[in-house]
Amino acid sequence: MKLGMLTACLPGWDLDRIADFASGQGYERLEVAVWPGTGGRDFEAAHLPVATLTDDDVQATRALLDRTGLEISALAYYENNLHQDPARRDEVHTHLKHAVDAAQRLGVPYVGTFIGRDNTKSVRENMAEGDRVLPELLDYAGERGVRLIIENCVMEGWHPDGYPGNIAYSPELWEWVTGLGFGLNWDPSHLTWIGIDPVETILPFAEHIVHAQAKDLELFPEQRNRYGFFGKVDKGDDPWEMGWWRFRVPGRGVVDWPHVVDRLYEAGFDGTLSVEHEDPLWGGEDEKVLEGLRIAHRTLRPLIAVE
């Protein structure tokens, strides 16, 4: 197992600067954000120009990795592959293919994304639509020696009422997701707030968990008594404001990281545990973001054997 970090928490930094920090802090791998730009929502970043990647870009990236001793565990483009707007769906698919092409050229094994959801349809109807449109993306990646992996984020902010906007949120749905051929980029934080014990999901899906994200969660049960499971009705200008929980960096929430890492080892996991920093207490300013990444490293580094 290797300790990595997702670069999306530093959208204003270039990859060289992030790599220098990560290497100096003791991280071993980068999960590199490759959105086409920023501004669509928080925690997007464009740290590699995958749509226009040149040979010079490839050489420069390899030189950066050689200099810092880092590896790229995956490219990250988490968008809605079942979007109800056909034009937007085509845009997402096109950029996802650019990410796959870039991964092939850089020797990166995985590209992470979401299943997503058409919010005008039920989950079952979305599964039928996924059966129709997703195999082409899987084939495209497979032909290039790259595997698409799905994060189990609920993406409740994509739905007007706080319902799941990414139909890969539960082990029941993972059976369908992995049956299509996707791997899992497993994240315990999302399981925690929907009432699933994350540790108990690891062994049943051990062969499919090829990458993992380390994000924590803080719960406020007294607020859940007011808003209910689906969160605030009036979210103001923030569709992600649920009102009774918030993301935290590892070590500042309720996830039992020693138990999680131990169970990953028991499952034979030898991939990357990648810190995904979306903690509002350690966000907003670069130095606070960096301190959040340091806290996560101090929490997780003692749990992971150094080879």
C-alpha atoms as a PDB file:
ATOM      1  CA  MET A   1       0.000   0.000   0.000  1.00  0.00           C
ATOM      2  CA  LYS A   2       1.216   3.510  -0.841  1.00  0.00           C
ATOM      3  CA  LEU A   3       0.101   6.855   0.581  1.00  0.00           C
ATOM      4  CA  GLY A   4      -0.956   9.440  -1.976  1.00  0.00           C
ATOM      5  CA  MET A   5      -2.963  12.633  -2.318  1.00  0.00           C
ATOM      6  CA  LEU A   6      -5.515  13.975  -4.774  1.00  0.00           C
ATOM      7  CA  THR A   7      -4.275  17.254  -6.252  1.00  0.00           C
ATOM      8  CA  ALA A   8      -7.723  18.865  -6.642  1.00  0.00           C
ATOM      9  CA  CYS A   9      -7.483  20.675  -3.282  1.00  0.00           C
ATOM     10  CA  LEU A  10      -4.826  22.998  -4.751  1.00  0.00           C
ATOM     11  CA  PRO A  11      -6.402  24.196  -8.017  1.00  0.00           C
ATOM     12  CA  GLY A  12      -4.265  27.331  -8.188  1.00  0.00           C
ATOM     13  CA  TRP A  13      -0.956  25.446  -8.022  1.00  0.00           C
ATOM     14  CA  ASP A  14       0.811  23.822 -10.947  1.00  0.00           C
ATOM     15  CA  LEU A  15       1.765  20.165 -10.798  1.00  0.00           C
ATOM     16  CA  ASP A  16       5.456  20.885 -10.223  1.00  0.00           C
ATOM     17  CA  ARG A  17       4.720  22.867  -7.079  1.00  0.00           C
ATOM     18  CA  ILE A  18       2.303  20.243  -5.772  1.00  0.00           C
ATOM     19  CA  ALA A  19       4.792  17.455  -6.445  1.00  0.00           C
ATOM     20  CA  ASP A  20       7.522  19.279  -4.547  1.00  0.00           C
ATOM     21  CA  PHE A  21       5.233  19.699  -1.535  1.00  0.00           C
ATOM     22  CA  ALA A  22       3.953  16.120  -1.671  1.00  0.00           C
ATOM     23  CA  SER A  23       7.416  14.626  -1.949  1.00  0.00           C
ATOM     24  CA  GLY A  24       8.776  16.829   0.810  1.00  0.00           C
ATOM     25  CA  GLN A  25       5.877  15.896   3.081  1.00  0.00           C
ATOM     26  CA  GLY A  26       6.403  12.176   2.537  1.00  0.00           C
ATOM     27  CA  TYR A  27       3.578  11.335   0.161  1.00  0.00           C
ATOM     28  CA  GLU A  28       4.472   8.680  -2.389  1.00  0.00           C
ATOM     29  CA  ARG A  29       1.880   9.075  -5.136  1.00  0.00           C
ATOM     30  CA  LEU A  30      -0.351  11.685  -6.744  1.00  0.00           C
ATOM     31  CA  GLU A  31      -3.903  11.231  -7.921  1.00  0.00           C
ATOM     32  CA  VAL A  32      -3.816  14.002 -10.525  1.00  0.00           C
ATOM     33  CA  ALA A  33      -6.911  16.132 -11.222  1.00  0.00           C
ATOM     34  CA  VAL A  34      -7.483  16.564 -14.970  1.00  0.00           C
ATOM     35  CA  TRP A  35     -10.669  18.583 -15.397  1.00  0.00           C
ATOM     36  CA  PRO A  36     -10.601  20.781 -18.523  1.00  0.00           C
ATOM     37  CA  GLY A  37     -10.623  23.842 -16.239  1.00  0.00           C
ATOM     38  CA  THR A  38     -11.873  25.066 -12.879  1.00  0.00           C
ATOM     39  CA  GLY A  39     -14.982  26.844 -11.708  1.00  0.00           C
ATOM     40  CA  GLY A  40     -17.663  24.234 -12.330  1.00  0.00           C
ATOM     41  CA  ARG A  41     -17.696  23.366  -8.628  1.00  0.00           C
ATOM     42  CA  ASP A  42     -15.290  23.241  -5.727  1.00  0.00           C
ATOM     43  CA  PHE A  43     -12.446  20.718  -5.769  1.00  0.00           C
ATOM     44  CA  GLU A  44     -11.891  20.697  -9.502  1.00  0.00           C
ATOM     45  CA  ALA A  45      -8.439  21.313 -10.946  1.00  0.00           C
ATOM     46  CA  ALA A  46      -6.639  21.084 -14.275  1.00  0.00           C
ATOM     47  CA  HIS A  47      -3.168  19.824 -13.406  1.00  0.00           C
ATOM     48  CA  LEU A  48      -2.485  18.089 -16.719  1.00  0.00           C
ATOM     49  CA  PRO A  49      -3.795  19.337 -20.106  1.00  0.00           C
ATOM     50  CA  VAL A  50      -5.065  15.930 -21.152  1.00  0.00           C
ATOM     51  CA  ALA A  51      -7.084  17.241 -24.124  1.00  0.00           C
ATOM     52  CA  THR A  52      -3.986  18.802 -25.708  1.00  0.00           C
ATOM     53  CA  LEU A  53      -1.201  16.716 -24.180  1.00  0.00           C
ATOM     54  CA  THR A  54       1.980  16.996 -26.227  1.00  0.00           C
ATOM     55  CA  ASP A  55       5.113  14.870 -26.282  1.00  0.00           C
ATOM     56  CA  ASP A  56       6.853  17.706 -24.450  1.00  0.00           C
ATOM     57  CA  ASP A  57       4.162  17.563 -21.737  1.00  0.00           C
ATOM     58  CA  VAL A  58       4.666  13.832 -21.373  1.00  0.00           C
ATOM     59  CA  GLN A  59       8.437  14.185 -21.119  1.00  0.00           C
ATOM     60  CA  ALA A  60       8.153  17.034 -18.625  1.00  0.00           C
ATOM     61  CA  THR A  61       5.762  15.028 -16.442  1.00  0.00           C
ATOM     62  CA  ARG A  62       8.033  11.998 -16.462  1.00  0.00           C
ATOM     63  CA  ALA A  63      11.001  14.203 -15.571  1.00  0.00           C
ATOM     64  CA  LEU A  64       9.025  15.702 -12.675  1.00  0.00           C
ATOM     65  CA  LEU A  65       8.191  12.260 -11.329  1.00  0.00           C
ATOM     66  CA  ASP A  66      11.810  11.152 -11.664  1.00  0.00           C
ATOM     67  CA  ARG A  67      13.019  14.265  -9.833  1.00  0.00           C
ATOM     68  CA  THR A  68      10.564  13.950  -6.938  1.00  0.00           C
ATOM     69  CA  GLY A  69      10.430  10.160  -6.699  1.00  0.00           C
ATOM     70  CA  LEU A  70       6.632  10.219  -6.995  1.00  0.00           C
ATOM     71  CA  GLU A  71       4.298   8.093  -9.093  1.00  0.00           C
ATOM     72  CA  ILE A  72       0.889   8.938 -10.519  1.00  0.00           C
ATOM     73  CA  SER A  73      -1.640   6.489  -9.108  1.00  0.00           C
ATOM     74  CA  ALA A  74      -4.582   7.661 -11.240  1.00  0.00           C
ATOM     75  CA  LEU A  75      -5.942  10.562 -13.251  1.00  0.00           C
ATOM     76  CA  ALA A  76      -9.070  12.104 -11.725  1.00  0.00           C
ATOM     77  CA  TYR A  77     -12.046  13.406 -13.697  1.00  0.00           C
ATOM     78  CA  TYR A  78     -15.152  12.966 -11.578  1.00  0.00           C
ATOM     79  CA  GLU A  79     -18.125  14.019 -13.688  1.00  0.00           C
ATOM     80  CA  ASN A  80     -21.622  12.845 -14.619  1.00  0.00           C
ATOM     81  CA  ASN A  81     -21.404  10.195 -17.321  1.00  0.00           C
ATOM     82  CA  LEU A  82     -25.211   9.800 -17.391  1.00  0.00           C
ATOM     83  CA  HIS A  83     -26.071  13.507 -17.529  1.00  0.00           C
ATOM     84  CA  GLN A  84     -29.620  14.170 -18.748  1.00  0.00           C
ATOM     85  CA  ASP A  85     -28.429  16.828 -21.229  1.00  0.00           C
ATOM     86  CA  PRO A  86     -27.113  14.885 -24.259  1.00  0.00           C
ATOM     87  CA  ALA A  87     -24.699  17.659 -25.191  1.00  0.00           C
ATOM     88  CA  ARG A  88     -23.220  17.800 -21.694  1.00  0.00           C
ATOM     89  CA  ARG A  89     -23.002  14.019 -21.556  1.00  0.00           C
ATOM     90  CA  ASP A  90     -21.053  14.013 -24.824  1.00  0.00           C
ATOM     91  CA  GLU A  91     -18.668  16.648 -23.432  1.00  0.00           C
ATOM     92  CA  VAL A  92     -18.022  14.513 -20.354  1.00  0.00           C
ATOM     93  CA  HIS A  93     -17.435  11.371 -22.401  1.00  0.00           C
ATOM     94  CA  THR A  94     -15.088  13.175 -24.762  1.00  0.00           C
ATOM     95  CA  HIS A  95     -12.958  14.556 -21.959  1.00  0.00           C
ATOM     96  CA  LEU A  96     -12.943  11.223 -20.156  1.00  0.00           C
ATOM     97  CA  LYS A  97     -11.492   9.685 -23.309  1.00  0.00           C
ATOM     98  CA  HIS A  98      -8.840  12.408 -23.390  1.00  0.00           C
ATOM     99  CA  ALA A  99      -7.942  11.413 -19.827  1.00  0.00           C
ATOM    100  CA  VAL A 100      -7.695   7.769 -20.876  1.00  0.00           C
ATOM    101  CA  ASP A 101      -5.427   8.690 -23.792  1.00  0.00           C
ATOM    102  CA  ALA A 102      -3.200  10.691 -21.447  1.00  0.00           C
ATOM    103  CA  ALA A 103      -3.080   7.829 -18.935  1.00  0.00           C
ATOM    104  CA  GLN A 104      -1.968   5.466 -21.673  1.00  0.00           C
ATOM    105  CA  ARG A 105       0.839   7.802 -22.752  1.00  0.00           C
ATOM    106  CA  LEU A 106       2.006   8.344 -19.169  1.00  0.00           C
ATOM    107  CA  GLY A 107       1.717   4.710 -18.101  1.00  0.00           C
ATOM    108  CA  VAL A 108      -0.953   5.488 -15.489  1.00  0.00           C
ATOM    109  CA  PRO A 109      -3.149   2.448 -14.794  1.00  0.00           C
ATOM    110  CA  TYR A 110      -6.412   4.118 -13.725  1.00  0.00           C
ATOM    111  CA  VAL A 111      -8.739   6.985 -14.580  1.00  0.00           C
ATOM    112  CA  GLY A 112     -11.266   7.824 -11.879  1.00  0.00           C
ATOM    113  CA  THR A 113     -14.762   9.102 -12.620  1.00  0.00           C
ATOM    114  CA  PHE A 114     -18.417   8.840 -11.532  1.00  0.00           C
ATOM    115  CA  ILE A 115     -21.284   6.864 -12.978  1.00  0.00           C
ATOM    116  CA  GLY A 116     -23.497   9.900 -12.398  1.00  0.00           C
ATOM    117  CA  ARG A 117     -27.224  10.041 -12.913  1.00  0.00           C
ATOM    118  CA  ASP A 118     -29.975  11.366 -15.148  1.00  0.00           C
ATOM    119  CA  ASN A 119     -32.030  13.194 -12.512  1.00  0.00           C
ATOM    120  CA  THR A 120     -35.212  12.844 -14.568  1.00  0.00           C
ATOM    121  CA  LYS A 121     -35.095   9.041 -14.178  1.00  0.00           C
ATOM    122  CA  SER A 122     -35.214   6.498 -11.369  1.00  0.00           C
ATOM    123  CA  VAL A 123     -32.161   4.550 -10.270  1.00  0.00           C
ATOM    124  CA  ARG A 124     -33.411   1.474 -12.121  1.00  0.00           C
ATOM    125  CA  GLU A 125     -33.943   3.493 -15.291  1.00  0.00           C
ATOM    126  CA  ASN A 126     -30.448   4.917 -14.933  1.00  0.00           C
ATOM    127  CA  MET A 127     -29.009   1.441 -14.599  1.00  0.00           C
ATOM    128  CA  ALA A 128     -30.677   0.477 -17.857  1.00  0.00           C
ATOM    129  CA  GLU A 129     -29.245   3.595 -19.491  1.00  0.00           C
ATOM    130  CA  GLY A 130     -25.845   2.764 -18.051  1.00  0.00           C
ATOM    131  CA  ASP A 131     -26.040  -0.717 -19.525  1.00  0.00           C
ATOM    132  CA  ARG A 132     -26.536   0.964 -22.892  1.00  0.00           C
ATOM    133  CA  VAL A 133     -23.916   3.739 -22.875  1.00  0.00           C
ATOM    134  CA  LEU A 134     -21.150   2.848 -20.409  1.00  0.00           C
ATOM    135  CA  PRO A 135     -19.662  -0.271 -22.058  1.00  0.00           C
ATOM    136  CA  GLU A 136     -18.342   1.870 -24.919  1.00  0.00           C
ATOM    137  CA  LEU A 137     -16.298   3.907 -22.432  1.00  0.00           C
ATOM    138  CA  LEU A 138     -15.018   0.772 -20.732  1.00  0.00           C
ATOM    139  CA  ASP A 139     -14.022  -0.700 -24.078  1.00  0.00           C
ATOM    140  CA  TYR A 140     -12.237   2.503 -25.067  1.00  0.00           C
ATOM    141  CA  ALA A 141     -10.185   2.418 -21.879  1.00  0.00           C
ATOM    142  CA  GLY A 142      -9.536  -1.305 -21.994  1.00  0.00           C
ATOM    143  CA  GLU A 143      -8.216  -1.128 -25.542  1.00  0.00           C
ATOM    144  CA  ARG A 144      -5.612   1.348 -24.259  1.00  0.00           C
ATOM    145  CA  GLY A 145      -4.574  -0.663 -21.228  1.00  0.00           C
ATOM    146  CA  VAL A 146      -6.323   1.672 -18.792  1.00  0.00           C
ATOM    147  CA  ARG A 147      -9.033   0.800 -16.268  1.00  0.00           C
ATOM    148  CA  LEU A 148     -11.870   3.118 -15.352  1.00  0.00           C
ATOM    149  CA  ILE A 149     -12.545   3.287 -11.619  1.00  0.00           C
ATOM    150  CA  ILE A 150     -15.634   4.656  -9.890  1.00  0.00           C
ATOM    151  CA  GLU A 151     -15.723   6.564  -6.617  1.00  0.00           C
ATOM    152  CA  ASN A 152     -18.722   5.813  -4.392  1.00  0.00           C
ATOM    153  CA  CYS A 153     -19.459   9.498  -3.686  1.00  0.00           C
ATOM    154  CA  VAL A 154     -23.190  10.093  -3.278  1.00  0.00           C
ATOM    155  CA  MET A 155     -23.021  13.457  -5.127  1.00  0.00           C
ATOM    156  CA  GLU A 156     -26.171  14.602  -3.365  1.00  0.00           C
ATOM    157  CA  GLY A 157     -25.592  18.164  -4.569  1.00  0.00           C
ATOM    158  CA  TRP A 158     -26.299  17.072  -8.140  1.00  0.00           C
ATOM    159  CA  HIS A 159     -29.896  16.267  -7.185  1.00  0.00           C
ATOM    160  CA  PRO A 160     -32.301  19.101  -6.335  1.00  0.00           C
ATOM    161  CA  ASP A 161     -33.557  17.307  -3.229  1.00  0.00           C
ATOM    162  CA  GLY A 162     -30.291  15.875  -1.922  1.00  0.00           C
ATOM    163  CA  TYR A 163     -30.870  12.381  -3.285  1.00  0.00           C
ATOM    164  CA  PRO A 164     -27.958  10.396  -4.768  1.00  0.00           C
ATOM    165  CA  GLY A 165     -26.631  11.964  -7.967  1.00  0.00           C
ATOM    166  CA  ASN A 166     -24.109   9.182  -8.565  1.00  0.00           C
ATOM    167  CA  ILE A 167     -25.624   5.711  -8.640  1.00  0.00           C
ATOM    168  CA  ALA A 168     -22.595   3.976  -7.177  1.00  0.00           C
ATOM    169  CA  TYR A 169     -23.267   4.829  -3.556  1.00  0.00           C
ATOM    170  CA  SER A 170     -23.995   1.389  -2.053  1.00  0.00           C
ATOM    171  CA  PRO A 171     -22.588  -2.146  -2.168  1.00  0.00           C
ATOM    172  CA  GLU A 172     -25.841  -3.254  -3.794  1.00  0.00           C
ATOM    173  CA  LEU A 173     -25.054  -0.939  -6.708  1.00  0.00           C
ATOM    174  CA  TRP A 174     -21.358  -1.862  -6.688  1.00  0.00           C
ATOM    175  CA  GLU A 175     -22.396  -5.336  -7.795  1.00  0.00           C
ATOM    176  CA  TRP A 176     -23.824  -3.748 -10.940  1.00  0.00           C
ATOM    177  CA  VAL A 177     -20.911  -1.309 -11.354  1.00  0.00           C
ATOM    178  CA  THR A 178     -18.236  -3.985 -11.093  1.00  0.00           C
ATOM    179  CA  GLY A 179     -20.288  -6.345 -13.245  1.00  0.00           C
ATOM    180  CA  LEU A 180     -19.968  -3.816 -16.055  1.00  0.00           C
ATOM    181  CA  GLY A 181     -16.185  -3.908 -15.629  1.00  0.00           C
ATOM    182  CA  PHE A 182     -15.402  -0.819 -13.542  1.00  0.00           C
ATOM    183  CA  GLY A 183     -12.991  -0.947 -10.633  1.00  0.00           C
ATOM    184  CA  LEU A 184     -13.748   0.814  -7.357  1.00  0.00           C
ATOM    185  CA  ASN A 185     -12.051   3.891  -5.932  1.00  0.00           C
ATOM    186  CA  TRP A 186     -13.334   3.180  -2.443  1.00  0.00           C
ATOM    187  CA  ASP A 187     -14.006   6.078  -0.027  1.00  0.00           C
ATOM    188  CA  PRO A 188     -15.263   5.420   3.518  1.00  0.00           C
ATOM    189  CA  SER A 189     -16.577   8.932   4.208  1.00  0.00           C
ATOM    190  CA  HIS A 190     -19.566   8.672   1.880  1.00  0.00           C
ATOM    191  CA  LEU A 191     -20.572   5.291   3.262  1.00  0.00           C
ATOM    192  CA  THR A 192     -20.485   6.639   6.805  1.00  0.00           C
ATOM    193  CA  TRP A 193     -23.136   9.337   6.449  1.00  0.00           C
ATOM    194  CA  ILE A 194     -25.566   7.071   4.588  1.00  0.00           C
ATOM    195  CA  GLY A 195     -25.441   4.550   7.437  1.00  0.00           C
ATOM    196  CA  ILE A 196     -23.132   1.885   6.002  1.00  0.00           C
ATOM    197  CA  ASP A 197     -20.182   0.575   8.021  1.00  0.00           C
ATOM    198  CA  PRO A 198     -17.299   1.156   5.596  1.00  0.00           C
ATOM    199  CA  VAL A 199     -15.051  -1.505   7.105  1.00  0.00           C
ATOM    200  CA  GLU A 200     -17.644  -4.202   6.436  1.00  0.00           C
ATOM    201  CA  THR A 201     -17.674  -3.392   2.711  1.00  0.00           C
ATOM    202  CA  ILE A 202     -13.985  -4.066   2.110  1.00  0.00           C
ATOM    203  CA  LEU A 203     -13.641  -7.850   2.114  1.00  0.00           C
ATOM    204  CA  PRO A 204     -16.745  -8.535  -0.033  1.00  0.00           C
ATOM    205  CA  PHE A 205     -15.338  -6.253  -2.749  1.00  0.00           C
ATOM    206  CA  ALA A 206     -11.634  -6.884  -2.202  1.00  0.00           C
ATOM    207  CA  GLU A 207     -10.966  -7.905  -5.800  1.00  0.00           C
ATOM    208  CA  HIS A 208     -12.612  -4.743  -7.123  1.00  0.00           C
ATOM    209  CA  ILE A 209     -11.106  -2.129  -4.760  1.00  0.00           C
ATOM    210  CA  VAL A 210      -8.024  -1.153  -6.757  1.00  0.00           C
ATOM    211  CA  HIS A 211      -7.641   2.399  -5.432  1.00  0.00           C
ATOM    212  CA  ALA A 212      -8.919   4.076  -2.280  1.00  0.00           C
ATOM    213  CA  GLN A 213      -9.484   7.622  -1.097  1.00  0.00           C
ATOM    214  CA  ALA A 214      -8.890   8.827   2.443  1.00  0.00           C
ATOM    215  CA  LYS A 215     -11.489  11.353   3.505  1.00  0.00           C
ATOM    216  CA  ASP A 216     -13.074  11.675   6.931  1.00  0.00           C
ATOM    217  CA  LEU A 217     -16.449  12.890   8.149  1.00  0.00           C
ATOM    218  CA  GLU A 218     -17.835  14.769  11.136  1.00  0.00           C
ATOM    219  CA  LEU A 219     -21.460  14.123  12.094  1.00  0.00           C
ATOM    220  CA  PHE A 220     -23.928  16.366  13.945  1.00  0.00           C
ATOM    221  CA  PRO A 221     -26.815  14.052  14.960  1.00  0.00           C
ATOM    222  CA  GLU A 222     -28.688  16.833  16.761  1.00  0.00           C
ATOM    223  CA  GLN A 223     -28.978  18.683  13.447  1.00  0.00           C
ATOM    224  CA  ARG A 224     -30.122  15.518  11.690  1.00  0.00           C
ATOM    225  CA  ASN A 225     -33.024  15.488  14.127  1.00  0.00           C
ATOM    226  CA  ARG A 226     -34.075  18.805  12.583  1.00  0.00           C
ATOM    227  CA  TYR A 227     -33.285  18.339   8.905  1.00  0.00           C
ATOM    228  CA  GLY A 228     -33.596  14.597   8.405  1.00  0.00           C
ATOM    229  CA  PHE A 229     -31.339  12.312   6.440  1.00  0.00           C
ATOM    230  CA  PHE A 230     -31.633  14.279   3.174  1.00  0.00           C
ATOM    231  CA  GLY A 231     -30.478  17.490   4.771  1.00  0.00           C
ATOM    232  CA  LYS A 232     -31.679  21.052   4.568  1.00  0.00           C
ATOM    233  CA  VAL A 233     -34.508  21.972   2.223  1.00  0.00           C
ATOM    234  CA  ASP A 234     -33.208  25.530   1.940  1.00  0.00           C
ATOM    235  CA  LYS A 235     -29.555  25.140   1.026  1.00  0.00           C
ATOM    236  CA  GLY A 236     -29.146  28.754  -0.044  1.00  0.00           C
ATOM    237  CA  ASP A 237     -26.502  29.100  -2.724  1.00  0.00           C
ATOM    238  CA  ASP A 238     -24.712  25.887  -1.742  1.00  0.00           C
ATOM    239  CA  PRO A 239     -26.351  22.678  -3.026  1.00  0.00           C
ATOM    240  CA  TRP A 240     -23.867  20.663  -0.948  1.00  0.00           C
ATOM    241  CA  GLU A 241     -24.953  22.122   2.413  1.00  0.00           C
ATOM    242  CA  MET A 242     -26.657  19.192   4.127  1.00  0.00           C
ATOM    243  CA  GLY A 243     -26.657  20.782   7.561  1.00  0.00           C
ATOM    244  CA  TRP A 244     -25.838  17.721   9.672  1.00  0.00           C
ATOM    245  CA  TRP A 245     -22.399  16.557   8.525  1.00  0.00           C
ATOM    246  CA  ARG A 246     -19.238  17.869   6.929  1.00  0.00           C
ATOM    247  CA  PHE A 247     -16.113  16.372   5.415  1.00  0.00           C
ATOM    248  CA  ARG A 248     -12.890  16.388   7.440  1.00  0.00           C
ATOM    249  CA  VAL A 249      -9.298  15.375   6.816  1.00  0.00           C
ATOM    250  CA  PRO A 250      -8.327  11.949   8.166  1.00  0.00           C
ATOM    251  CA  GLY A 251      -7.924  12.115  11.921  1.00  0.00           C
ATOM    252  CA  ARG A 252     -10.488  14.852  12.471  1.00  0.00           C
ATOM    253  CA  GLY A 253     -13.687  12.851  11.984  1.00  0.00           C
ATOM    254  CA  VAL A 254     -15.362   9.578  12.912  1.00  0.00           C
ATOM    255  CA  VAL A 255     -13.733   7.138  10.468  1.00  0.00           C
ATOM    256  CA  ASP A 256     -11.721   4.455  12.287  1.00  0.00           C
ATOM    257  CA  TRP A 257      -8.541   4.658  10.212  1.00  0.00           C
ATOM    258  CA  PRO A 258      -6.527   1.947  12.015  1.00  0.00           C
ATOM    259  CA  HIS A 259      -9.408  -0.464  11.430  1.00  0.00           C
ATOM    260  CA  VAL A 260      -9.854   0.666   7.806  1.00  0.00           C
ATOM    261  CA  VAL A 261      -6.178   0.271   6.920  1.00  0.00           C
ATOM    262  CA  ASP A 262      -5.944  -3.047   8.755  1.00  0.00           C
ATOM    263  CA  ARG A 263      -8.915  -4.414   6.829  1.00  0.00           C
ATOM    264  CA  LEU A 264      -7.464  -3.161   3.534  1.00  0.00           C
ATOM    265  CA  TYR A 265      -4.291  -5.090   4.334  1.00  0.00           C
ATOM    266  CA  GLU A 266      -6.383  -8.150   5.206  1.00  0.00           C
ATOM    267  CA  ALA A 267      -8.064  -7.821   1.809  1.00  0.00           C
ATOM    268  CA  GLY A 268      -4.687  -7.858   0.085  1.00  0.00           C
ATOM    269  CA  PHE A 269      -4.970  -4.252  -1.057  1.00  0.00           C
ATOM    270  CA  ASP A 270      -1.651  -3.103  -2.497  1.00  0.00           C
ATOM    271  CA  GLY A 271      -2.818   0.044  -4.275  1.00  0.00           C
ATOM    272  CA  THR A 272      -2.878   3.695  -3.260  1.00  0.00           C
ATOM    273  CA  LEU A 273      -4.670   5.263  -0.310  1.00  0.00           C
ATOM    274  CA  SER A 274      -5.102   8.795  -1.643  1.00  0.00           C
ATOM    275  CA  VAL A 275      -5.943  11.698   0.678  1.00  0.00           C
ATOM    276  CA  GLU A 276      -8.912  13.660  -0.679  1.00  0.00           C
ATOM    277  CA  HIS A 277      -8.905  16.981   1.169  1.00  0.00           C
ATOM    278  CA  GLU A 278     -12.324  18.686   1.276  1.00  0.00           C
ATOM    279  CA  ASP A 279     -12.213  19.821   4.898  1.00  0.00           C
ATOM    280  CA  PRO A 280     -13.766  23.310   5.278  1.00  0.00           C
ATOM    281  CA  LEU A 281     -11.857  23.956   8.509  1.00  0.00           C
ATOM    282  CA  TRP A 282      -8.566  23.431   6.699  1.00  0.00           C
ATOM    283  CA  GLY A 283      -9.510  25.101   3.437  1.00  0.00           C
ATOM    284  CA  GLY A 284      -9.799  28.457   1.753  1.00  0.00           C
ATOM    285  CA  GLU A 285      -6.180  29.545   2.149  1.00  0.00           C
ATOM    286  CA  ASP A 286      -3.202  27.683   0.731  1.00  0.00           C
ATOM    287  CA  GLU A 287      -1.409  27.369   4.055  1.00  0.00           C
ATOM    288  CA  LYS A 288      -4.520  25.963   5.724  1.00  0.00           C
ATOM    289  CA  VAL A 289      -4.929  23.432   2.902  1.00  0.00           C
ATOM    290  CA  LEU A 290      -1.308  22.391   3.311  1.00  0.00           C
ATOM    291  CA  GLU A 291      -1.766  21.991   7.058  1.00  0.00           C
ATOM    292  CA  GLY A 292      -4.793  19.781   6.371  1.00  0.00           C
ATOM    293  CA  LEU A 293      -2.620  17.605   4.142  1.00  0.00           C
ATOM    294  CA  ARG A 294       0.016  17.473   6.885  1.00  0.00           C
ATOM    295  CA  ILE A 295      -2.612  16.390   9.441  1.00  0.00           C
ATOM    296  CA  ALA A 296      -3.781  13.650   7.086  1.00  0.00           C
ATOM    297  CA  HIS A 297      -0.207  12.489   6.548  1.00  0.00           C
ATOM    298  CA  ARG A 298       0.493  12.390  10.293  1.00  0.00           C
ATOM    299  CA  THR A 299      -2.680  10.355  10.798  1.00  0.00           C
ATOM    300  CA  LEU A 300      -2.141   7.797   8.052  1.00  0.00           C
ATOM    301  CA  ARG A 301       1.624   7.444   7.676  1.00  0.00           C
ATOM    302  CA  PRO A 302       2.095   5.406  10.892  1.00  0.00           C
ATOM    303  CA  LEU A 303      -0.550   2.939   9.735  1.00  0.00           C
ATOM    304  CA  ILE A 304       1.032   2.108   6.376  1.00  0.00           C
ATOM    305  CA  ALA A 305       4.127  -0.057   6.179  1.00  0.00           C
ATOM    306  CA  VAL A 306       7.084   1.600   4.473  1.00  0.00           C
ATOM    307  CA  GLU A 307       8.813  -0.731   2.054  1.00  0.00           C
END
